[in-house]
C-alpha cells in the first residue's frame, strides 16, 4: 500500500516522537501533533548547558501520569510495544491536552 492512498495534505498525524518515523519514511507533512512537543520535559539550565535542554517523556509515563492508566504493562517476553495501544494513548493524550487547554488550565505531570 502506498502512503498516498491513506494520507492527504489534510490528514493530521498524531503520535509520540514522530520525527524519527517521518525521517525514516522520508516524509514531510505540515499537520503533525506530537505528544513529545505537547508535553515537554525541560532539563534545567546548568553551567555546561546554560540554555537548558528539552528531553522527552516516554509515552508510557505520560499515559500513566496524565490519563491515569498503564500501557506497555506486561512483563517478560510480552513487554513489547503494541503500536495500536501506543496510537490510542497518543490520541487520548492530545484530546486531554485540548480539553484542559479549552478550559484555560494546565496539565501537571
C-alpha atoms as a PDB file:
ATOM      1  CA  UNK A   1       0.000   0.000   0.000  1.00  0.00           C
ATOM      2  CA  UNK A   2       1.317   3.443  -0.910  1.00  0.00           C
ATOM      3  CA  UNK A   3       1.115   6.173   1.762  1.00  0.00           C
ATOM      4  CA  UNK A   4      -0.564   8.467  -0.758  1.00  0.00           C
ATOM      5  CA  UNK A   5      -3.637   6.232  -0.723  1.00  0.00           C
ATOM      6  CA  UNK A   6      -4.278   6.819   3.000  1.00  0.00           C
ATOM      7  CA  UNK A   7      -2.566  10.158   3.643  1.00  0.00           C
ATOM      8  CA  UNK A   8      -3.554  13.534   2.210  1.00  0.00           C
ATOM      9  CA  UNK A   9      -2.467  17.097   2.927  1.00  0.00           C
ATOM     10  CA  UNK A  10      -5.495  17.413   5.213  1.00  0.00           C
ATOM     11  CA  UNK A  11      -4.594  14.354   7.298  1.00  0.00           C
ATOM     12  CA  UNK A  12      -3.463  15.119  10.836  1.00  0.00           C
ATOM     13  CA  UNK A  13      -0.719  12.792  12.060  1.00  0.00           C
ATOM     14  CA  UNK A  14      -0.788  12.203  15.813  1.00  0.00           C
ATOM     15  CA  UNK A  15       1.890  10.289  17.669  1.00  0.00           C
ATOM     16  CA  UNK A  16       4.766  10.299  20.126  1.00  0.00           C
ATOM     17  CA  UNK A  17       8.281  11.113  18.898  1.00  0.00           C
ATOM     18  CA  UNK A  18       7.188  11.262  15.281  1.00  0.00           C
ATOM     19  CA  UNK A  19      10.319  12.919  13.935  1.00  0.00           C
ATOM     20  CA  UNK A  20      12.136   9.580  13.662  1.00  0.00           C
ATOM     21  CA  UNK A  21       9.202   7.976  11.854  1.00  0.00           C
ATOM     22  CA  UNK A  22       8.916  10.896   9.448  1.00  0.00           C
ATOM     23  CA  UNK A  23      12.655  10.802   8.728  1.00  0.00           C
ATOM     24  CA  UNK A  24      12.581   7.036   8.131  1.00  0.00           C
ATOM     25  CA  UNK A  25       9.649   7.458   5.744  1.00  0.00           C
ATOM     26  CA  UNK A  26      11.307  10.487   4.109  1.00  0.00           C
ATOM     27  CA  UNK A  27       8.030  12.277   4.680  1.00  0.00           C
ATOM     28  CA  UNK A  28       7.467  15.985   5.121  1.00  0.00           C
ATOM     29  CA  UNK A  29       3.992  16.756   6.432  1.00  0.00           C
ATOM     30  CA  UNK A  30       2.531  20.037   7.703  1.00  0.00           C
ATOM     31  CA  UNK A  31      -0.158  18.696  10.026  1.00  0.00           C
ATOM     32  CA  UNK A  32       1.583  16.839  12.847  1.00  0.00           C
ATOM     33  CA  UNK A  33       0.719  16.710  16.541  1.00  0.00           C
ATOM     34  CA  UNK A  34       3.499  15.153  18.568  1.00  0.00           C
ATOM     35  CA  UNK A  35       2.901  14.445  22.246  1.00  0.00           C
ATOM     36  CA  UNK A  36       6.637  14.993  22.866  1.00  0.00           C
ATOM     37  CA  UNK A  37       6.050  18.623  21.901  1.00  0.00           C
ATOM     38  CA  UNK A  38       2.790  18.998  23.836  1.00  0.00           C
ATOM     39  CA  UNK A  39       4.327  17.533  26.989  1.00  0.00           C
ATOM     40  CA  UNK A  40       7.984  18.618  27.048  1.00  0.00           C
ATOM     41  CA  UNK A  41      10.344  17.690  29.846  1.00  0.00           C
ATOM     42  CA  UNK A  42      12.636  20.624  30.437  1.00  0.00           C
ATOM     43  CA  UNK A  43      16.077  19.945  31.808  1.00  0.00           C
ATOM     44  CA  UNK A  44      17.054  22.924  33.948  1.00  0.00           C
ATOM     45  CA  UNK A  45      19.961  25.049  32.764  1.00  0.00           C
ATOM     46  CA  UNK A  46      23.372  24.115  34.129  1.00  0.00           C
ATOM     47  CA  UNK A  47      26.856  25.561  33.777  1.00  0.00           C
ATOM     48  CA  UNK A  48      27.597  23.150  30.929  1.00  0.00           C
ATOM     49  CA  UNK A  49      24.225  23.811  29.267  1.00  0.00           C
ATOM     50  CA  UNK A  50      23.081  27.385  30.017  1.00  0.00           C
ATOM     51  CA  UNK A  51      20.082  27.236  27.668  1.00  0.00           C
ATOM     52  CA  UNK A  52      18.635  24.105  29.244  1.00  0.00           C
ATOM     53  CA  UNK A  53      17.583  21.058  27.252  1.00  0.00           C
ATOM     54  CA  UNK A  54      14.230  19.655  26.244  1.00  0.00           C
ATOM     55  CA  UNK A  55      14.081  15.944  26.969  1.00  0.00           C
ATOM     56  CA  UNK A  56      11.270  13.588  26.051  1.00  0.00           C
ATOM     57  CA  UNK A  57       8.995  11.809  28.470  1.00  0.00           C
ATOM     58  CA  UNK A  58       8.171   8.256  27.495  1.00  0.00           C
ATOM     59  CA  UNK A  59       4.694   7.625  26.144  1.00  0.00           C
ATOM     60  CA  UNK A  60       4.243   5.032  28.871  1.00  0.00           C
ATOM     61  CA  UNK A  61       4.946   7.604  31.605  1.00  0.00           C
ATOM     62  CA  UNK A  62       2.731  10.293  30.047  1.00  0.00           C
ATOM     63  CA  UNK A  63      -0.251   7.963  29.708  1.00  0.00           C
ATOM     64  CA  UNK A  64       0.179   6.845  33.307  1.00  0.00           C
ATOM     65  CA  UNK A  65       0.598  10.362  34.767  1.00  0.00           C
ATOM     66  CA  UNK A  66      -1.867  12.285  32.588  1.00  0.00           C
ATOM     67  CA  UNK A  67      -4.540   9.681  31.863  1.00  0.00           C
ATOM     68  CA  UNK A  68      -4.155   7.557  34.989  1.00  0.00           C
ATOM     69  CA  UNK A  69      -3.780   4.216  33.255  1.00  0.00           C
ATOM     70  CA  UNK A  70      -0.979   1.901  32.231  1.00  0.00           C
ATOM     71  CA  UNK A  71       0.186   0.845  28.802  1.00  0.00           C
ATOM     72  CA  UNK A  72       3.026  -1.485  27.856  1.00  0.00           C
ATOM     73  CA  UNK A  73       2.420  -3.057  31.259  1.00  0.00           C
ATOM     74  CA  UNK A  74       3.182  -6.725  30.614  1.00  0.00           C
ATOM     75  CA  UNK A  75       6.500  -8.060  31.863  1.00  0.00           C
ATOM     76  CA  UNK A  76       8.962 -10.547  30.448  1.00  0.00           C
ATOM     77  CA  UNK A  77       8.683 -11.598  26.814  1.00  0.00           C
ATOM     78  CA  UNK A  78       5.273  -9.958  26.447  1.00  0.00           C
ATOM     79  CA  UNK A  79       6.524  -6.441  27.261  1.00  0.00           C
ATOM     80  CA  UNK A  80       6.925  -5.478  23.577  1.00  0.00           C
ATOM     81  CA  UNK A  81       5.235  -2.328  22.382  1.00  0.00           C
ATOM     82  CA  UNK A  82       1.758  -2.594  20.923  1.00  0.00           C
ATOM     83  CA  UNK A  83       1.552   0.032  18.175  1.00  0.00           C
ATOM     84  CA  UNK A  84      -2.272   0.206  18.315  1.00  0.00           C
ATOM     85  CA  UNK A  85      -2.164   0.730  22.097  1.00  0.00           C
ATOM     86  CA  UNK A  86       0.531   3.393  21.666  1.00  0.00           C
ATOM     87  CA  UNK A  87      -1.515   5.159  18.976  1.00  0.00           C
ATOM     88  CA  UNK A  88      -4.623   5.189  21.193  1.00  0.00           C
ATOM     89  CA  UNK A  89      -2.546   6.549  24.063  1.00  0.00           C
ATOM     90  CA  UNK A  90      -1.150   9.368  21.916  1.00  0.00           C
ATOM     91  CA  UNK A  91      -4.607  10.341  20.622  1.00  0.00           C
ATOM     92  CA  UNK A  92      -6.076  10.277  24.140  1.00  0.00           C
ATOM     93  CA  UNK A  93      -3.210  12.488  25.392  1.00  0.00           C
ATOM     94  CA  UNK A  94      -3.908  15.026  22.634  1.00  0.00           C
ATOM     95  CA  UNK A  95      -7.632  15.020  23.447  1.00  0.00           C
ATOM     96  CA  UNK A  96      -6.917  15.518  27.160  1.00  0.00           C
ATOM     97  CA  UNK A  97      -4.476  18.329  26.344  1.00  0.00           C
ATOM     98  CA  UNK A  98      -7.083  20.083  24.174  1.00  0.00           C
ATOM     99  CA  UNK A  99      -9.808  19.623  26.796  1.00  0.00           C
ATOM    100  CA  UNK A 100      -7.665  21.184  29.528  1.00  0.00           C
ATOM    101  CA  UNK A 101      -6.446  23.984  27.234  1.00  0.00           C
ATOM    102  CA  UNK A 102     -10.029  24.818  26.241  1.00  0.00           C
ATOM    103  CA  UNK A 103     -10.831  25.369  29.930  1.00  0.00           C
ATOM    104  CA  UNK A 104      -7.733  27.554  30.316  1.00  0.00           C
ATOM    105  CA  UNK A 105      -5.950  25.030  32.511  1.00  0.00           C
ATOM    106  CA  UNK A 106      -2.535  23.459  32.539  1.00  0.00           C
ATOM    107  CA  UNK A 107      -1.778  19.754  32.802  1.00  0.00           C
ATOM    108  CA  UNK A 108       0.629  18.920  35.575  1.00  0.00           C
ATOM    109  CA  UNK A 109       2.550  15.667  35.326  1.00  0.00           C
END
